[in-house]
């Protein structure tokens, strides 16, 4: 995450393979796409990136190497620190995860799902979604003004 609290932005989503390679370097492991599974690149155990149609559609953060530009929140930090970077974050009772939506300039949303244990962020999964692909909880986040 970067940008202000009122207008946060999510890096990586929508980037091409070349842009990701320029930004992060060579992946430690890759897997090819199949009919049912997207292409995946991994950077150690800390970052996993999924590509569809040669663009990033999802990424997962599992360690604290990647942080927000404002406040330095990320995996391992207290949930309230990430809540300051994502002011519209709410708990989804069905999945027991914190969740927020970040609107992108192209009209789609970065659907941010945060796994929390003991008040600390343990995993962050960010996926690119069209408004029509959001579930009921995601649509309720939109109504709250995320």
Protein backbone atom coordinates (compact mmCIF):
# COMPACT_ATOMS: atom_id res chain seq x y z
CA UNK A 1 0.00 0.00 0.00
CA UNK A 2 1.07 3.50 -0.71
CA UNK A 3 -0.64 6.87 -0.90
CA UNK A 4 -2.68 8.62 1.75
CA UNK A 5 -5.21 7.09 4.13
CA UNK A 6 -8.06 8.74 2.22
CA UNK A 7 -6.74 7.59 -1.18
CA UNK A 8 -4.70 4.41 -0.70
CA UNK A 9 -3.32 2.57 -3.73
CA UNK A 10 -2.09 -0.98 -4.15
CA UNK A 11 1.13 -1.71 -5.98
CA UNK A 12 1.61 -4.81 -8.18
CA UNK A 13 -2.02 -5.39 -9.21
CA UNK A 14 -2.34 -5.06 -12.98
CA UNK A 15 1.42 -5.08 -13.60
CA UNK A 16 2.89 -7.14 -16.42
CA UNK A 17 5.56 -9.81 -15.92
CA UNK A 18 8.25 -7.41 -17.14
CA UNK A 19 7.15 -4.70 -14.71
CA UNK A 20 7.17 -7.16 -11.80
CA UNK A 21 10.63 -8.43 -12.76
CA UNK A 22 11.90 -4.83 -12.94
CA UNK A 23 10.36 -3.99 -9.56
CA UNK A 24 11.20 -7.15 -7.59
CA UNK A 25 13.85 -8.98 -9.59
CA UNK A 26 13.85 -12.60 -10.60
CA UNK A 27 11.43 -14.92 -8.78
CA UNK A 28 12.87 -17.75 -6.69
CA UNK A 29 10.35 -20.18 -8.23
CA UNK A 30 7.68 -20.14 -10.91
CA UNK A 31 4.87 -22.42 -12.03
CA UNK A 32 3.16 -22.37 -15.39
CA UNK A 33 -0.51 -21.75 -15.88
CA UNK A 34 -2.89 -24.62 -16.54
CA UNK A 35 -6.53 -24.54 -17.55
CA UNK A 36 -7.60 -24.34 -13.91
CA UNK A 37 -4.63 -22.66 -12.23
CA UNK A 38 -2.99 -19.29 -12.93
CA UNK A 39 0.73 -18.76 -13.46
CA UNK A 40 2.44 -18.20 -10.07
CA UNK A 41 5.73 -16.61 -9.13
CA UNK A 42 7.18 -16.90 -5.62
CA UNK A 43 9.76 -14.75 -3.91
CA UNK A 44 10.88 -17.03 -1.10
CA UNK A 45 8.09 -17.79 1.33
CA UNK A 46 7.23 -14.12 1.75
CA UNK A 47 5.51 -13.21 -1.52
CA UNK A 48 3.47 -15.17 -4.03
CA UNK A 49 2.10 -13.53 -7.20
CA UNK A 50 -0.59 -14.89 -9.56
CA UNK A 51 -0.89 -13.87 -13.21
CA UNK A 52 -3.86 -14.17 -15.55
CA UNK A 53 -3.62 -12.90 -19.12
CA UNK A 54 -0.01 -11.84 -18.38
CA UNK A 55 -1.03 -9.40 -15.62
CA UNK A 56 -0.96 -9.62 -11.81
CA UNK A 57 -4.42 -10.48 -10.48
CA UNK A 58 -3.52 -11.58 -6.96
CA UNK A 59 -0.65 -11.60 -4.50
CA UNK A 60 -0.12 -13.00 -1.01
CA UNK A 61 2.21 -11.61 1.65
CA UNK A 62 3.42 -14.07 4.29
CA UNK A 63 6.28 -12.21 5.98
CA UNK A 64 7.21 -8.71 7.05
CA UNK A 65 9.60 -7.77 4.25
CA UNK A 66 6.92 -5.85 2.34
CA UNK A 67 5.32 -2.93 4.18
CA UNK A 68 3.02 0.02 3.56
CA UNK A 69 4.77 3.21 2.53
CA UNK A 70 2.89 5.21 5.18
CA UNK A 71 3.25 3.82 8.69
CA UNK A 72 5.28 0.73 7.76
CA UNK A 73 2.45 -1.72 8.50
CA UNK A 74 2.57 -5.27 7.19
CA UNK A 75 2.76 -8.90 8.23
CA UNK A 76 3.87 -9.05 11.87
CA UNK A 77 2.61 -5.58 12.78
CA UNK A 78 -0.40 -4.91 15.02
CA UNK A 79 -3.74 -4.90 13.24
CA UNK A 80 -4.42 -1.29 14.24
CA UNK A 81 -1.33 -0.18 12.26
CA UNK A 82 -2.80 -1.68 9.09
CA UNK A 83 -6.19 -0.24 10.01
CA UNK A 84 -4.69 3.25 9.80
CA UNK A 85 -3.52 2.55 6.24
CA UNK A 86 -6.91 0.99 5.33
CA UNK A 87 -9.56 3.08 7.09
CA UNK A 88 -12.51 1.09 5.65
CA UNK A 89 -11.32 -2.24 7.06
CA UNK A 90 -13.99 -4.42 8.69
CA UNK A 91 -14.16 -7.96 10.07
CA UNK A 92 -15.94 -10.51 7.90
CA UNK A 93 -17.70 -12.81 10.41
CA UNK A 94 -18.08 -15.60 7.84
CA UNK A 95 -14.36 -15.92 7.02
CA UNK A 96 -13.07 -14.47 10.33
CA UNK A 97 -10.71 -12.19 8.41
CA UNK A 98 -10.35 -8.46 8.27
CA UNK A 99 -11.25 -7.07 4.88
CA UNK A 100 -11.05 -3.82 2.93
CA UNK A 101 -11.59 -2.64 -0.63
CA UNK A 102 -9.39 -0.13 -2.41
CA UNK A 103 -10.89 1.44 -5.52
CA UNK A 104 -8.60 1.58 -8.53
CA UNK A 105 -8.64 4.22 -11.28
CA UNK A 106 -9.88 1.61 -13.81
CA UNK A 107 -13.08 1.04 -11.76
CA UNK A 108 -12.05 -2.33 -10.33
CA UNK A 109 -11.19 -2.99 -6.69
CA UNK A 110 -8.25 -4.39 -4.76
CA UNK A 111 -9.93 -6.83 -2.37
CA UNK A 112 -7.62 -6.96 0.68
CA UNK A 113 -8.10 -9.88 3.09
CA UNK A 114 -6.07 -9.98 6.29
CA UNK A 115 -5.56 -12.99 8.55
CA UNK A 116 -4.99 -11.94 12.16
CA UNK A 117 -3.79 -14.04 15.08
CA UNK A 118 -3.25 -12.62 18.55
CA UNK A 119 -3.84 -9.06 17.35
CA UNK A 120 -1.03 -9.28 14.78
CA UNK A 121 -1.26 -9.49 11.00
CA UNK A 122 -0.18 -12.96 9.81
CA UNK A 123 -1.09 -12.92 6.12
CA UNK A 124 -2.37 -10.43 3.56
CA UNK A 125 -4.06 -11.59 0.34
CA UNK A 126 -4.86 -8.95 -2.28
CA UNK A 127 -6.89 -9.78 -5.38
CA UNK A 128 -8.17 -7.71 -8.26
CA UNK A 129 -11.95 -7.83 -8.63
CA UNK A 130 -14.60 -6.18 -10.74
CA UNK A 131 -17.55 -4.78 -8.80
CA UNK A 132 -19.80 -7.50 -10.24
CA UNK A 133 -17.48 -10.22 -8.84
CA UNK A 134 -17.65 -9.03 -5.21
CA UNK A 135 -19.48 -11.18 -2.68
CA UNK A 136 -22.19 -9.87 -0.32
CA UNK A 137 -19.70 -8.70 2.30
CA UNK A 138 -17.64 -6.91 -0.34
CA UNK A 139 -20.74 -5.09 -1.58
CA UNK A 140 -21.55 -4.11 2.02
CA UNK A 141 -18.08 -2.55 2.28
CA UNK A 142 -18.91 -0.48 -0.78
CA UNK A 143 -22.13 0.75 0.81
CA UNK A 144 -20.15 1.87 3.85
CA UNK A 145 -18.06 4.09 1.60
CA UNK A 146 -14.81 2.16 1.25
